[in-house]
Amino acid sequence: MNVKEEILQRTNRGLDIFYFYMPINFVPKRNFRNPLYDDKRASCNIYLDAKSDCYRMKDFGNDLYSGDCFWFAATMQGLDAHTEFMQVLETIIRDLQLSISLPGKARSAAPVRKAPNSGSVALPQPSEHENTPWNKGRFSIVEQPCRMEELAFWGRYGIDTKTLQRF
């Protein structure tokens, strides 16, 4: 069995790779906005491809942003899936802690994250806590003040600013 097949076998045919690198929550076979560019409509989904027997991402709005789990991991890491495929495999093995050895390569312990080529994707930083689940704690909360439209909406129901700040 080659390394690619072993990775697919240990990652639920690549679905776990999408869960790890995807900066948003998604449900397979349900449309969502593509995080790789400023998508206006939810025209992207992740599905199990029967031909290749691995999960793929399909963007119906822009076909350039479609590919398998290895392509997606490479894109999120700022790598080229065609020319740097072995480095993509190394990164996936290291980040998902799969304990698969590559032929002729020594393993390093710490995950390495590279900035993606497109400036529109912000990579989540690894969590400081080792006990958190691998797919949680990768985002930071940013508070924004309420807009007038939002205050007017909540005001219709008798909810004022003080109540909104409390929750």
N, C-alpha and C. Protein backbone atom coordinates (compact mmCIF):
# COMPACT_ATOMS: atom_id res chain seq x y z
N MET A 1 0.86 -1.18 0.00
CA MET A 1 0.00 0.00 0.00
C MET A 1 0.90 1.24 0.00
N ASN A 2 0.61 2.19 -0.89
CA ASN A 2 1.44 3.38 -0.93
C ASN A 2 1.00 4.37 0.15
N VAL A 3 1.79 5.42 0.33
CA VAL A 3 1.57 6.38 1.40
C VAL A 3 0.24 7.11 1.22
N LYS A 4 -0.08 7.48 0.00
CA LYS A 4 -1.33 8.19 -0.26
C LYS A 4 -2.53 7.34 0.15
N GLU A 5 -2.54 6.07 -0.23
CA GLU A 5 -3.65 5.19 0.13
C GLU A 5 -3.72 4.97 1.64
N GLU A 6 -2.56 4.89 2.28
CA GLU A 6 -2.56 4.70 3.74
C GLU A 6 -3.12 5.93 4.44
N ILE A 7 -2.78 7.12 3.95
CA ILE A 7 -3.34 8.34 4.52
C ILE A 7 -4.85 8.37 4.33
N LEU A 8 -5.31 8.02 3.14
CA LEU A 8 -6.75 8.00 2.88
C LEU A 8 -7.46 7.00 3.79
N GLN A 9 -6.84 5.86 4.01
CA GLN A 9 -7.44 4.83 4.85
C GLN A 9 -7.57 5.31 6.30
N ARG A 10 -6.56 6.04 6.79
CA ARG A 10 -6.57 6.48 8.18
C ARG A 10 -7.34 7.78 8.41
N THR A 11 -7.75 8.44 7.35
CA THR A 11 -8.45 9.73 7.49
C THR A 11 -9.87 9.68 6.95
N ASN A 12 -10.49 8.52 7.01
CA ASN A 12 -11.88 8.38 6.54
C ASN A 12 -11.99 8.83 5.10
N ARG A 13 -11.12 8.28 4.25
CA ARG A 13 -11.06 8.57 2.82
C ARG A 13 -10.78 10.04 2.53
N GLY A 14 -10.12 10.74 3.47
CA GLY A 14 -9.73 12.13 3.28
C GLY A 14 -10.64 13.14 3.94
N LEU A 15 -11.77 12.71 4.48
CA LEU A 15 -12.70 13.63 5.11
C LEU A 15 -12.08 14.32 6.32
N ASP A 16 -11.29 13.58 7.11
CA ASP A 16 -10.64 14.18 8.27
C ASP A 16 -9.63 15.25 7.87
N ILE A 17 -9.04 15.13 6.70
CA ILE A 17 -8.12 16.15 6.20
C ILE A 17 -8.89 17.44 5.95
N PHE A 18 -10.06 17.34 5.34
CA PHE A 18 -10.88 18.53 5.13
C PHE A 18 -11.30 19.13 6.47
N TYR A 19 -11.72 18.29 7.43
CA TYR A 19 -12.12 18.81 8.74
C TYR A 19 -10.96 19.53 9.42
N PHE A 20 -9.74 19.03 9.26
CA PHE A 20 -8.59 19.63 9.94
C PHE A 20 -8.22 20.98 9.34
N TYR A 21 -8.16 21.06 8.02
CA TYR A 21 -7.66 22.27 7.37
C TYR A 21 -8.75 23.28 7.03
N MET A 22 -10.01 22.90 7.05
CA MET A 22 -11.09 23.81 6.68
C MET A 22 -11.29 24.84 7.79
N PRO A 23 -11.20 26.14 7.49
CA PRO A 23 -11.33 27.16 8.53
C PRO A 23 -12.78 27.41 8.95
N ILE A 24 -13.75 26.74 8.33
CA ILE A 24 -15.16 26.89 8.71
C ILE A 24 -15.74 25.51 8.97
N ASN A 25 -16.85 25.48 9.69
CA ASN A 25 -17.55 24.21 9.89
C ASN A 25 -18.35 23.90 8.63
N PHE A 26 -18.40 22.64 8.26
CA PHE A 26 -19.16 22.22 7.08
C PHE A 26 -19.74 20.84 7.33
N VAL A 27 -20.73 20.51 6.52
CA VAL A 27 -21.35 19.19 6.54
C VAL A 27 -21.17 18.61 5.15
N PRO A 28 -20.63 17.39 5.02
CA PRO A 28 -20.46 16.80 3.69
C PRO A 28 -21.79 16.75 2.93
N LYS A 29 -21.71 16.98 1.63
CA LYS A 29 -22.85 16.98 0.70
C LYS A 29 -23.79 18.17 0.90
N ARG A 30 -23.42 19.14 1.73
CA ARG A 30 -24.22 20.35 1.92
C ARG A 30 -23.42 21.53 1.40
N ASN A 31 -24.04 22.42 0.68
CA ASN A 31 -23.35 23.57 0.11
C ASN A 31 -22.93 24.57 1.18
N PHE A 32 -21.77 25.18 0.98
CA PHE A 32 -21.25 26.23 1.85
C PHE A 32 -20.43 27.19 0.99
N ARG A 33 -20.08 28.33 1.56
CA ARG A 33 -19.26 29.31 0.85
C ARG A 33 -17.81 28.86 0.89
N ASN A 34 -17.16 28.97 -0.24
CA ASN A 34 -15.77 28.55 -0.34
C ASN A 34 -14.88 29.50 0.45
N PRO A 35 -14.09 28.99 1.40
CA PRO A 35 -13.23 29.87 2.20
C PRO A 35 -11.96 30.33 1.47
N LEU A 36 -11.71 29.81 0.28
CA LEU A 36 -10.48 30.16 -0.43
C LEU A 36 -10.59 31.49 -1.17
N TYR A 37 -11.79 32.00 -1.34
CA TYR A 37 -11.98 33.31 -1.95
C TYR A 37 -13.28 33.90 -1.43
N ASP A 38 -13.54 35.14 -1.77
CA ASP A 38 -14.73 35.84 -1.29
C ASP A 38 -15.95 35.33 -2.07
N ASP A 39 -16.49 34.22 -1.62
CA ASP A 39 -17.61 33.57 -2.29
C ASP A 39 -18.91 34.26 -1.88
N LYS A 40 -19.72 34.62 -2.84
CA LYS A 40 -20.99 35.30 -2.56
C LYS A 40 -22.13 34.32 -2.29
N ARG A 41 -22.07 33.15 -2.91
CA ARG A 41 -23.13 32.15 -2.76
C ARG A 41 -22.53 30.85 -2.22
N ALA A 42 -23.37 30.09 -1.55
CA ALA A 42 -22.95 28.78 -1.05
C ALA A 42 -22.99 27.79 -2.21
N SER A 43 -21.91 27.74 -2.97
CA SER A 43 -21.89 26.90 -4.17
C SER A 43 -20.77 25.87 -4.12
N CYS A 44 -20.32 25.54 -2.94
CA CYS A 44 -19.20 24.61 -2.77
C CYS A 44 -19.65 23.49 -1.86
N ASN A 45 -19.24 22.25 -2.15
CA ASN A 45 -19.53 21.16 -1.22
C ASN A 45 -18.43 20.12 -1.27
N ILE A 46 -18.45 19.26 -0.27
CA ILE A 46 -17.48 18.18 -0.16
C ILE A 46 -18.26 16.88 -0.24
N TYR A 47 -17.80 15.99 -1.09
CA TYR A 47 -18.53 14.76 -1.36
C TYR A 47 -17.54 13.61 -1.54
N LEU A 48 -18.03 12.38 -1.39
CA LEU A 48 -17.22 11.19 -1.62
C LEU A 48 -17.29 10.83 -3.09
N ASP A 49 -16.15 10.90 -3.77
CA ASP A 49 -16.08 10.58 -5.19
C ASP A 49 -16.00 9.06 -5.33
N ALA A 50 -16.95 8.48 -6.04
CA ALA A 50 -17.01 7.02 -6.19
C ALA A 50 -15.86 6.49 -7.04
N LYS A 51 -15.40 7.26 -8.02
CA LYS A 51 -14.31 6.80 -8.88
C LYS A 51 -13.00 6.67 -8.12
N SER A 52 -12.62 7.73 -7.43
CA SER A 52 -11.33 7.72 -6.73
C SER A 52 -11.44 7.21 -5.30
N ASP A 53 -12.65 7.02 -4.80
CA ASP A 53 -12.91 6.54 -3.45
C ASP A 53 -12.24 7.44 -2.41
N CYS A 54 -12.31 8.75 -2.64
CA CYS A 54 -11.83 9.71 -1.65
C CYS A 54 -12.71 10.96 -1.72
N TYR A 55 -12.67 11.74 -0.65
CA TYR A 55 -13.49 12.95 -0.60
C TYR A 55 -12.86 14.04 -1.45
N ARG A 56 -13.73 14.79 -2.13
CA ARG A 56 -13.32 15.89 -3.00
C ARG A 56 -14.15 17.12 -2.67
N MET A 57 -13.58 18.28 -2.97
CA MET A 57 -14.29 19.53 -2.84
C MET A 57 -14.65 20.02 -4.23
N LYS A 58 -15.90 20.35 -4.44
CA LYS A 58 -16.38 20.84 -5.73
C LYS A 58 -16.96 22.23 -5.53
N ASP A 59 -16.45 23.19 -6.29
CA ASP A 59 -16.98 24.55 -6.27
C ASP A 59 -17.68 24.79 -7.60
N PHE A 60 -18.98 24.91 -7.56
CA PHE A 60 -19.75 25.10 -8.79
C PHE A 60 -19.64 26.52 -9.31
N GLY A 61 -19.21 27.46 -8.48
CA GLY A 61 -19.05 28.84 -8.91
C GLY A 61 -17.74 29.09 -9.63
N ASN A 62 -16.67 28.41 -9.19
CA ASN A 62 -15.35 28.59 -9.79
C ASN A 62 -14.62 27.26 -9.73
N ASP A 63 -14.49 26.61 -10.86
CA ASP A 63 -13.91 25.27 -10.92
C ASP A 63 -12.42 25.24 -10.55
N LEU A 64 -11.75 26.39 -10.54
CA LEU A 64 -10.34 26.43 -10.15
C LEU A 64 -10.16 26.08 -8.68
N TYR A 65 -11.21 26.21 -7.88
CA TYR A 65 -11.14 25.94 -6.46
C TYR A 65 -11.77 24.59 -6.12
N SER A 66 -11.59 23.61 -6.98
CA SER A 66 -12.09 22.25 -6.76
C SER A 66 -10.93 21.28 -6.77
N GLY A 67 -11.00 20.24 -5.94
CA GLY A 67 -9.94 19.24 -5.92
C GLY A 67 -10.13 18.26 -4.78
N ASP A 68 -9.18 17.35 -4.64
CA ASP A 68 -9.28 16.35 -3.59
C ASP A 68 -8.71 16.89 -2.28
N CYS A 69 -8.67 16.03 -1.26
CA CYS A 69 -8.21 16.46 0.06
C CYS A 69 -6.74 16.85 0.05
N PHE A 70 -5.93 16.23 -0.79
CA PHE A 70 -4.51 16.57 -0.87
C PHE A 70 -4.32 17.94 -1.52
N TRP A 71 -5.10 18.22 -2.54
CA TRP A 71 -5.06 19.54 -3.17
C TRP A 71 -5.46 20.62 -2.16
N PHE A 72 -6.51 20.34 -1.37
CA PHE A 72 -6.98 21.34 -0.41
C PHE A 72 -5.94 21.58 0.68
N ALA A 73 -5.34 20.51 1.21
CA ALA A 73 -4.30 20.68 2.23
C ALA A 73 -3.13 21.47 1.66
N ALA A 74 -2.74 21.18 0.43
CA ALA A 74 -1.64 21.91 -0.21
C ALA A 74 -1.99 23.38 -0.37
N THR A 75 -3.20 23.67 -0.79
CA THR A 75 -3.64 25.05 -0.98
C THR A 75 -3.63 25.81 0.34
N MET A 76 -4.12 25.18 1.40
CA MET A 76 -4.14 25.84 2.70
C MET A 76 -2.74 26.04 3.26
N GLN A 77 -1.79 25.22 2.87
CA GLN A 77 -0.42 25.34 3.34
C GLN A 77 0.44 26.21 2.43
N GLY A 78 -0.12 26.66 1.31
CA GLY A 78 0.65 27.48 0.38
C GLY A 78 1.60 26.67 -0.46
N LEU A 79 1.29 25.39 -0.67
CA LEU A 79 2.14 24.50 -1.46
C LEU A 79 1.45 24.18 -2.79
N ASP A 80 2.23 23.70 -3.74
CA ASP A 80 1.69 23.25 -5.02
C ASP A 80 1.53 21.73 -4.94
N ALA A 81 0.31 21.26 -5.11
CA ALA A 81 0.03 19.83 -4.96
C ALA A 81 0.72 18.99 -6.01
N HIS A 82 1.06 19.56 -7.16
CA HIS A 82 1.70 18.79 -8.23
C HIS A 82 3.20 18.70 -8.04
N THR A 83 3.85 19.80 -7.74
CA THR A 83 5.32 19.79 -7.66
C THR A 83 5.84 19.47 -6.27
N GLU A 84 5.05 19.72 -5.23
CA GLU A 84 5.50 19.50 -3.85
C GLU A 84 4.63 18.46 -3.14
N PHE A 85 4.24 17.41 -3.85
CA PHE A 85 3.30 16.44 -3.30
C PHE A 85 3.87 15.70 -2.09
N MET A 86 5.14 15.35 -2.12
CA MET A 86 5.73 14.65 -0.97
C MET A 86 5.73 15.54 0.27
N GLN A 87 5.97 16.83 0.08
CA GLN A 87 5.93 17.76 1.21
C GLN A 87 4.49 17.90 1.73
N VAL A 88 3.52 17.85 0.84
CA VAL A 88 2.11 17.88 1.25
C VAL A 88 1.80 16.65 2.09
N LEU A 89 2.25 15.48 1.64
CA LEU A 89 2.03 14.25 2.41
C LEU A 89 2.69 14.34 3.78
N GLU A 90 3.93 14.85 3.83
CA GLU A 90 4.64 15.02 5.11
C GLU A 90 3.85 15.92 6.04
N THR A 91 3.35 17.03 5.51
CA THR A 91 2.61 17.98 6.33
C THR A 91 1.33 17.36 6.87
N ILE A 92 0.61 16.64 6.05
CA ILE A 92 -0.63 15.99 6.49
C ILE A 92 -0.32 14.96 7.58
N ILE A 93 0.70 14.15 7.36
CA ILE A 93 1.07 13.13 8.35
C ILE A 93 1.45 13.78 9.67
N ARG A 94 2.21 14.86 9.61
CA ARG A 94 2.67 15.54 10.82
C ARG A 94 1.50 16.25 11.51
N ASP A 95 0.69 17.00 10.77
CA ASP A 95 -0.39 17.77 11.38
C ASP A 95 -1.48 16.90 11.97
N LEU A 96 -1.83 15.81 11.29
CA LEU A 96 -2.88 14.92 11.78
C LEU A 96 -2.33 13.80 12.67
N GLN A 97 -1.01 13.81 12.89
CA GLN A 97 -0.34 12.84 13.77
C GLN A 97 -0.71 11.41 13.40
N LEU A 98 -0.46 11.06 12.14
CA LEU A 98 -0.87 9.76 11.62
C LEU A 98 0.13 8.64 11.87
N SER A 99 1.33 8.95 12.27
CA SER A 99 2.41 7.98 12.51
C SER A 99 2.60 7.04 11.31
N ILE A 100 2.71 7.65 10.15
CA ILE A 100 3.05 6.94 8.92
C ILE A 100 4.43 7.40 8.53
N SER A 101 5.31 6.46 8.21
CA SER A 101 6.66 6.87 7.82
C SER A 101 6.76 6.92 6.30
N LEU A 102 7.35 8.00 5.84
CA LEU A 102 7.61 8.15 4.41
C LEU A 102 8.92 7.46 4.07
N PRO A 103 9.04 6.87 2.92
CA PRO A 103 10.29 6.20 2.56
C PRO A 103 11.43 7.21 2.46
N GLY A 104 12.50 6.97 3.24
CA GLY A 104 13.69 7.80 3.18
C GLY A 104 13.58 9.13 3.90
N LYS A 105 12.56 9.33 4.73
CA LYS A 105 12.39 10.61 5.43
C LYS A 105 12.37 10.37 6.93
N ALA A 106 13.03 11.27 7.66
CA ALA A 106 12.96 11.26 9.11
C ALA A 106 11.80 12.16 9.52
N ARG A 107 11.09 11.79 10.57
CA ARG A 107 9.93 12.56 10.99
C ARG A 107 10.32 13.63 11.99
N SER A 108 9.70 14.80 11.87
CA SER A 108 9.89 15.86 12.86
C SER A 108 8.64 15.93 13.71
N ALA A 109 8.78 16.47 14.92
CA ALA A 109 7.68 16.42 15.87
C ALA A 109 6.69 17.58 15.74
N ALA A 110 7.16 18.77 15.42
CA ALA A 110 6.29 19.94 15.44
C ALA A 110 5.67 20.20 14.07
N PRO A 111 4.38 20.53 14.04
CA PRO A 111 3.76 20.88 12.76
C PRO A 111 4.32 22.19 12.22
N VAL A 112 4.48 22.25 10.93
CA VAL A 112 4.98 23.46 10.28
C VAL A 112 3.87 24.00 9.41
N ARG A 113 3.56 25.28 9.57
CA ARG A 113 2.51 25.90 8.78
C ARG A 113 3.13 27.00 7.93
N LYS A 114 2.77 26.98 6.67
CA LYS A 114 3.25 27.96 5.71
C LYS A 114 2.09 28.84 5.31
N ALA A 115 2.34 30.10 5.01
CA ALA A 115 1.27 30.99 4.59
C ALA A 115 0.79 30.60 3.20
N PRO A 116 -0.51 30.62 2.95
CA PRO A 116 -1.01 30.28 1.62
C PRO A 116 -0.65 31.34 0.60
N ASN A 117 -0.69 30.96 -0.68
CA ASN A 117 -0.35 31.88 -1.75
C ASN A 117 -1.36 33.00 -1.86
N SER A 118 -2.65 32.70 -1.74
CA SER A 118 -3.66 33.75 -1.86
C SER A 118 -3.78 34.47 -0.53
N GLY A 119 -3.87 35.77 -0.57
CA GLY A 119 -3.94 36.55 0.65
C GLY A 119 -5.30 36.53 1.31
N SER A 120 -6.29 35.87 0.72
CA SER A 120 -7.65 35.93 1.25
C SER A 120 -7.92 34.91 2.35
N VAL A 121 -7.03 33.96 2.58
CA VAL A 121 -7.28 32.92 3.57
C VAL A 121 -6.37 33.14 4.76
N ALA A 122 -6.94 33.24 5.94
CA ALA A 122 -6.17 33.38 7.17
C ALA A 122 -6.11 32.01 7.83
N LEU A 123 -4.90 31.50 8.03
CA LEU A 123 -4.76 30.19 8.65
C LEU A 123 -4.96 30.29 10.15
N PRO A 124 -5.69 29.38 10.74
CA PRO A 124 -5.83 29.36 12.18
C PRO A 124 -4.53 28.91 12.83
N GLN A 125 -4.21 29.50 13.97
CA GLN A 125 -3.01 29.12 14.69
C GLN A 125 -3.29 27.89 15.54
N PRO A 126 -2.29 27.02 15.75
CA PRO A 126 -2.52 25.85 16.57
C PRO A 126 -2.86 26.24 18.00
N SER A 127 -3.70 25.45 18.63
CA SER A 127 -4.13 25.72 19.99
C SER A 127 -2.98 25.49 20.96
N GLU A 128 -2.96 26.27 22.05
CA GLU A 128 -1.93 26.10 23.07
C GLU A 128 -2.22 24.91 23.96
N HIS A 129 -3.47 24.52 24.05
CA HIS A 129 -3.86 23.43 24.93
C HIS A 129 -3.81 22.11 24.18
N GLU A 130 -3.09 21.14 24.72
CA GLU A 130 -2.97 19.84 24.07
C GLU A 130 -4.22 18.99 24.25
N ASN A 131 -5.05 19.30 25.26
CA ASN A 131 -6.21 18.47 25.55
C ASN A 131 -7.44 18.84 24.73
N THR A 132 -7.37 19.91 23.95
CA THR A 132 -8.53 20.27 23.13
C THR A 132 -8.61 19.35 21.93
N PRO A 133 -9.82 19.06 21.45
CA PRO A 133 -9.94 18.22 20.26
C PRO A 133 -9.25 18.86 19.07
N TRP A 134 -8.78 18.04 18.14
CA TRP A 134 -7.97 18.55 17.03
C TRP A 134 -8.74 19.46 16.10
N ASN A 135 -10.06 19.38 16.07
CA ASN A 135 -10.82 20.23 15.16
C ASN A 135 -11.50 21.39 15.89
N LYS A 136 -11.20 21.60 17.16
CA LYS A 136 -11.79 22.70 17.92
C LYS A 136 -10.67 23.62 18.39
N GLY A 137 -11.01 24.83 18.74
CA GLY A 137 -10.05 25.77 19.31
C GLY A 137 -9.10 26.38 18.30
N ARG A 138 -9.44 26.36 17.02
CA ARG A 138 -8.54 26.89 16.01
C ARG A 138 -8.93 28.30 15.60
N PHE A 139 -9.92 28.89 16.26
CA PHE A 139 -10.40 30.19 15.86
C PHE A 139 -10.34 31.14 17.05
N SER A 140 -10.22 32.42 16.77
CA SER A 140 -10.26 33.41 17.83
C SER A 140 -11.55 34.21 17.69
N ILE A 141 -12.07 34.67 18.81
CA ILE A 141 -13.31 35.42 18.83
C ILE A 141 -12.98 36.90 18.70
N VAL A 142 -13.67 37.57 17.80
CA VAL A 142 -13.49 39.00 17.60
C VAL A 142 -14.84 39.67 17.85
N GLU A 143 -14.89 40.56 18.85
CA GLU A 143 -16.13 41.27 19.15
C GLU A 143 -16.25 42.49 18.26
N GLN A 144 -17.46 42.71 17.78
CA GLN A 144 -17.74 43.88 16.97
C GLN A 144 -18.92 44.61 17.59
N PRO A 145 -18.92 45.94 17.52
CA PRO A 145 -20.07 46.68 18.06
C PRO A 145 -21.31 46.41 17.22
N CYS A 146 -22.47 46.50 17.87
CA CYS A 146 -23.73 46.26 17.17
C CYS A 146 -24.02 47.41 16.21
N ARG A 147 -24.48 47.07 15.03
CA ARG A 147 -24.88 48.08 14.05
C ARG A 147 -26.28 48.57 14.39
N MET A 148 -26.65 49.70 13.83
CA MET A 148 -27.97 50.29 14.10
C MET A 148 -29.10 49.36 13.64
N GLU A 149 -28.90 48.67 12.50
CA GLU A 149 -29.93 47.75 12.02
C GLU A 149 -30.15 46.61 13.01
N GLU A 150 -29.06 46.13 13.60
CA GLU A 150 -29.17 45.04 14.57
C GLU A 150 -29.87 45.51 15.84
N LEU A 151 -29.51 46.71 16.30
CA LEU A 151 -30.16 47.25 17.50
C LEU A 151 -31.65 47.48 17.26
N ALA A 152 -32.00 47.93 16.06
CA ALA A 152 -33.41 48.13 15.73
C ALA A 152 -34.15 46.79 15.70
N PHE A 153 -33.50 45.76 15.17
CA PHE A 153 -34.12 44.43 15.13
C PHE A 153 -34.42 43.94 16.54
N TRP A 154 -33.42 43.98 17.42
CA TRP A 154 -33.62 43.48 18.78
C TRP A 154 -34.56 44.38 19.57
N GLY A 155 -34.56 45.68 19.25
CA GLY A 155 -35.44 46.62 19.94
C GLY A 155 -36.91 46.31 19.73
N ARG A 156 -37.25 45.73 18.58
CA ARG A 156 -38.65 45.34 18.32
C ARG A 156 -39.15 44.32 19.34
N TYR A 157 -38.23 43.56 19.91
CA TYR A 157 -38.60 42.52 20.86
C TYR A 157 -38.35 42.94 22.31
N GLY A 158 -38.05 44.23 22.51
CA GLY A 158 -37.84 44.74 23.85
C GLY A 158 -36.47 44.42 24.43
N ILE A 159 -35.52 44.08 23.58
CA ILE A 159 -34.17 43.76 24.04
C ILE A 159 -33.28 44.97 23.79
N ASP A 160 -32.70 45.50 24.88
CA ASP A 160 -31.88 46.71 24.74
C ASP A 160 -30.40 46.35 24.68
N THR A 161 -29.56 47.38 24.56
CA THR A 161 -28.11 47.20 24.42
C THR A 161 -27.51 46.50 25.64
N LYS A 162 -28.00 46.86 26.83
CA LYS A 162 -27.47 46.27 28.06
C LYS A 162 -27.69 44.75 28.07
N THR A 163 -28.85 44.32 27.63
CA THR A 163 -29.15 42.88 27.57
C THR A 163 -28.27 42.19 26.54
N LEU A 164 -28.09 42.83 25.38
CA LEU A 164 -27.23 42.24 24.35
C LEU A 164 -25.79 42.10 24.83
N GLN A 165 -25.29 43.10 25.56
CA GLN A 165 -23.91 43.02 26.06
C GLN A 165 -23.76 41.92 27.11
N ARG A 166 -24.82 41.67 27.86
CA ARG A 166 -24.77 40.62 28.88
C ARG A 166 -24.63 39.24 28.26
N PHE A 167 -25.20 39.05 27.07
CA PHE A 167 -25.14 37.76 26.42
C PHE A 167 -24.22 37.80 25.24
